[in-house]
Amino acid sequence: MRKLTYFIACSLDGFIGDPGGDASAMFPFVDEEFFAFLKAEYPETIPTQGRRAAGIDALENKRFDTIIQGRASYDVALKEGVTSPYAHLREYVASRTLGESPDPNVEIIADDLVGKVRELKAEDGDFGIYLCGGSRIAGELLDEIDELVIKSYPLVYGTGMPMFGSGFAISEFTLESARTFGNGVLVRTYGRKR
């Protein structure tokens, strides 16, 4: 069975963006050392436009072949005129309001997100599924998440968009690894405790 991995950037106090979801305050922490880590370990999590700009479009996927993101996350790309932000992956967008996909490479999941994720996880394959965000779909998929990769940036927001937009529920994960960077970023990987 394939894993669903929530690969997410957050502040020290657990927010993935300001109250409107803007996470641009985190961008300066993607310095040379941290970008080298992303290229080496998680190249498929770099959007296609960024890969092309950095001259790394030919890097092979290492962990994921599929991405699921929410409408708000997808809108960030759409506002820039990019209809397929992860063209190097099979792309799904969870949205009840988007209607028809603006790109043939992007499939809209309008209903039964959990059912679709279970179907994707049941597929044969060596690669996992990258849950890109946002908060609401992460909350909806909490029981389906097998792994958390949390990139904590040395920022405190005070308030904002939480990692999981859901009601109260305790889910236990086990720390598998932690890596620190010179710029203060900490990347922690957790596996679901089942």
Protein backbone atom coordinates (compact mmCIF):
# COMPACT_ATOMS: atom_id res chain seq x y z
CA MET A 1 0.00 0.00 0.00
CA ARG A 2 1.23 3.48 -0.89
CA LYS A 3 1.76 6.10 1.82
CA LEU A 4 0.07 9.48 2.08
CA THR A 5 2.65 11.99 3.31
CA TYR A 6 1.72 15.45 4.55
CA PHE A 7 4.85 17.41 3.59
CA ILE A 8 4.27 20.82 5.07
CA ALA A 9 6.01 24.04 6.09
CA CYS A 10 4.94 25.67 9.33
CA SER A 11 5.87 28.24 11.93
CA LEU A 12 7.15 27.25 15.35
CA ASP A 13 3.63 27.63 16.69
CA GLY A 14 2.11 25.30 14.09
CA PHE A 15 0.71 27.65 11.46
CA ILE A 16 1.15 27.01 7.72
CA GLY A 17 0.38 30.60 6.86
CA ASP A 18 -1.16 33.79 8.14
CA PRO A 19 -4.95 33.92 8.71
CA GLY A 20 -5.44 34.17 4.94
CA GLY A 21 -3.03 31.31 4.23
CA ASP A 22 -0.10 33.44 2.99
CA ALA A 23 3.18 31.70 3.82
CA SER A 24 5.53 34.06 1.99
CA ALA A 25 7.31 34.97 5.26
CA MET A 26 8.82 31.47 5.14
CA PHE A 27 10.34 31.83 1.64
CA PRO A 28 13.61 33.52 2.76
CA PHE A 29 14.54 30.35 4.68
CA VAL A 30 14.89 28.38 1.45
CA ASP A 31 18.58 29.21 1.29
CA GLU A 32 21.36 27.33 -0.52
CA GLU A 33 21.75 24.63 2.14
CA PHE A 34 18.03 24.00 2.51
CA PHE A 35 17.39 24.07 -1.25
CA ALA A 36 20.18 21.49 -1.71
CA PHE A 37 18.36 19.27 0.82
CA LEU A 38 15.06 19.63 -1.07
CA LYS A 39 16.75 18.82 -4.39
CA ALA A 40 18.47 15.75 -2.95
CA GLU A 41 15.67 14.34 -0.80
CA TYR A 42 12.34 15.75 -2.05
CA PRO A 43 12.84 17.09 -5.60
CA GLU A 44 9.26 16.39 -6.64
CA THR A 45 7.94 18.80 -3.98
CA ILE A 46 9.46 21.73 -5.85
CA PRO A 47 6.82 23.14 -8.25
CA THR A 48 7.51 22.67 -11.95
CA GLN A 49 8.08 26.40 -12.57
CA GLY A 50 10.67 26.49 -9.77
CA ARG A 51 12.39 23.38 -11.07
CA ARG A 52 12.68 24.91 -14.53
CA ALA A 53 13.97 28.22 -13.17
CA ALA A 54 16.64 26.39 -11.12
CA GLY A 55 17.62 24.17 -14.07
CA ILE A 56 16.61 20.98 -12.25
CA ASP A 57 13.55 20.01 -14.27
CA ALA A 58 15.19 16.71 -15.23
CA LEU A 59 15.56 15.49 -11.63
CA GLU A 60 13.76 12.20 -11.12
CA ASN A 61 11.10 11.77 -8.49
CA LYS A 62 12.41 10.09 -5.35
CA ARG A 63 9.38 9.64 -3.11
CA PHE A 64 6.14 10.72 -4.79
CA ASP A 65 4.38 10.35 -8.13
CA THR A 66 1.04 11.87 -7.10
CA ILE A 67 0.03 15.13 -5.42
CA ILE A 68 -3.18 16.17 -3.70
CA GLN A 69 -3.77 19.78 -2.82
CA GLY A 70 -6.69 21.89 -1.76
CA ARG A 71 -8.36 24.63 -3.74
CA ALA A 72 -6.66 27.48 -1.83
CA SER A 73 -3.20 25.97 -2.44
CA TYR A 74 -4.03 25.48 -6.11
CA ASP A 75 -5.31 29.06 -6.39
CA VAL A 76 -1.81 30.34 -5.60
CA ALA A 77 -0.64 28.86 -8.91
CA LEU A 78 -3.78 29.83 -10.82
CA LYS A 79 -3.28 33.48 -9.85
CA GLU A 80 0.11 33.28 -11.59
CA GLY A 81 -1.46 31.72 -14.70
CA VAL A 82 -0.08 28.26 -13.90
CA THR A 83 -2.74 25.58 -14.36
CA SER A 84 -0.46 22.57 -13.73
CA PRO A 85 1.92 23.56 -10.90
CA TYR A 86 3.28 20.03 -10.46
CA ALA A 87 3.33 18.81 -14.05
CA HIS A 88 5.97 16.20 -13.12
CA LEU A 89 3.37 14.47 -10.87
CA ARG A 90 -0.15 13.14 -11.26
CA GLU A 91 -2.16 16.08 -9.93
CA TYR A 92 -5.40 16.13 -7.95
CA VAL A 93 -7.15 19.17 -6.50
CA ALA A 94 -9.83 18.76 -3.83
CA SER A 95 -12.53 21.34 -4.56
CA ARG A 96 -16.29 21.41 -4.38
CA THR A 97 -16.43 24.78 -6.14
CA LEU A 98 -13.89 24.69 -8.96
CA GLY A 99 -16.05 22.69 -11.34
CA GLU A 100 -14.18 21.75 -14.49
CA SER A 101 -10.40 21.49 -14.38
CA PRO A 102 -8.53 24.27 -16.18
CA ASP A 103 -5.83 21.78 -17.21
CA PRO A 104 -6.00 18.22 -18.63
CA ASN A 105 -3.22 17.15 -16.21
CA VAL A 106 -5.23 18.18 -13.13
CA GLU A 107 -8.14 16.08 -11.90
CA ILE A 108 -10.69 17.70 -9.61
CA ILE A 109 -11.96 15.69 -6.63
CA ALA A 110 -15.36 17.22 -5.90
CA ASP A 111 -16.80 14.46 -3.72
CA ASP A 112 -15.57 11.69 -1.42
CA LEU A 113 -11.99 12.88 -0.95
CA VAL A 114 -11.31 10.13 1.59
CA GLY A 115 -12.57 7.47 -0.83
CA LYS A 116 -10.35 8.81 -3.62
CA VAL A 117 -7.30 8.87 -1.36
CA ARG A 118 -7.96 5.29 -0.27
CA GLU A 119 -8.21 4.30 -3.93
CA LEU A 120 -4.87 6.01 -4.69
CA LYS A 121 -3.19 4.42 -1.68
CA ALA A 122 -4.39 0.97 -2.79
CA GLU A 123 -2.67 1.28 -6.18
CA ASP A 124 0.50 -0.68 -6.85
CA GLY A 125 3.61 1.43 -7.03
CA ASP A 126 6.92 2.33 -5.45
CA PHE A 127 6.08 5.99 -4.95
CA GLY A 128 3.84 7.64 -2.40
CA ILE A 129 1.30 10.45 -2.43
CA TYR A 130 2.27 14.00 -1.53
CA LEU A 131 -0.36 15.93 0.41
CA CYS A 132 0.60 19.52 -0.28
CA GLY A 133 -2.14 21.25 1.68
CA GLY A 134 -4.04 22.94 2.83
CA SER A 135 -5.32 22.98 6.33
CA ARG A 136 -8.89 21.92 5.64
CA ILE A 137 -8.09 18.87 3.51
CA ALA A 138 -5.31 17.84 5.91
CA GLY A 139 -7.94 17.84 8.65
CA GLU A 140 -10.33 15.85 6.50
CA LEU A 141 -7.60 13.33 5.65
CA LEU A 142 -5.98 13.11 9.10
CA ASP A 143 -6.91 9.44 9.54
CA GLU A 144 -5.42 8.60 6.13
CA ILE A 145 -2.05 10.34 6.70
CA ASP A 146 0.72 7.78 7.15
CA GLU A 147 3.66 10.16 7.46
CA LEU A 148 4.27 13.76 8.45
CA VAL A 149 7.28 15.69 7.18
CA ILE A 150 7.18 19.01 9.00
CA LYS A 151 9.51 21.78 7.92
CA SER A 152 9.49 24.13 10.94
CA TYR A 153 10.71 27.64 10.22
CA PRO A 154 12.04 29.83 13.06
CA LEU A 155 9.03 32.14 12.98
CA VAL A 156 6.13 32.68 15.37
CA TYR A 157 2.86 33.78 13.75
CA GLY A 158 0.72 34.04 16.86
CA THR A 159 -2.34 33.20 14.81
CA GLY A 160 -2.98 31.94 11.33
CA MET A 161 -3.93 28.88 9.33
CA PRO A 162 -3.31 25.73 11.43
CA MET A 163 -1.64 22.62 10.05
CA PHE A 164 -4.91 20.74 10.50
CA GLY A 165 -8.24 22.47 10.09
CA SER A 166 -10.39 19.97 11.94
CA GLY A 167 -12.21 19.35 15.16
CA PHE A 168 -10.51 18.00 18.25
CA ALA A 169 -9.01 14.56 17.68
CA ILE A 170 -5.85 12.98 19.05
CA SER A 171 -3.70 11.09 16.56
CA GLU A 172 -0.35 9.69 17.61
CA PHE A 173 2.77 9.68 15.46
CA THR A 174 6.31 8.47 16.18
CA LEU A 175 9.39 10.59 15.50
CA GLU A 176 11.54 8.86 12.88
CA SER A 177 14.12 11.55 12.15
CA ALA A 178 15.04 15.18 12.71
CA ARG A 179 17.46 17.36 10.79
CA THR A 180 18.54 20.90 11.55
CA PHE A 181 19.87 23.53 9.19
CA GLY A 182 22.14 26.52 9.72
CA ASN A 183 19.28 28.95 9.08
CA GLY A 184 17.27 27.58 12.02
CA VAL A 185 14.95 25.32 9.99
CA LEU A 186 14.12 21.95 11.54
CA VAL A 187 12.73 19.09 9.43
CA ARG A 188 11.03 16.35 11.43
CA THR A 189 9.65 13.13 9.98
CA TYR A 190 6.97 11.20 11.84
CA GLY A 191 5.31 7.88 11.08
CA ARG A 192 1.74 7.15 12.14
CA LYS A 193 1.55 4.97 15.21
CA ARG A 194 -0.95 2.24 14.38
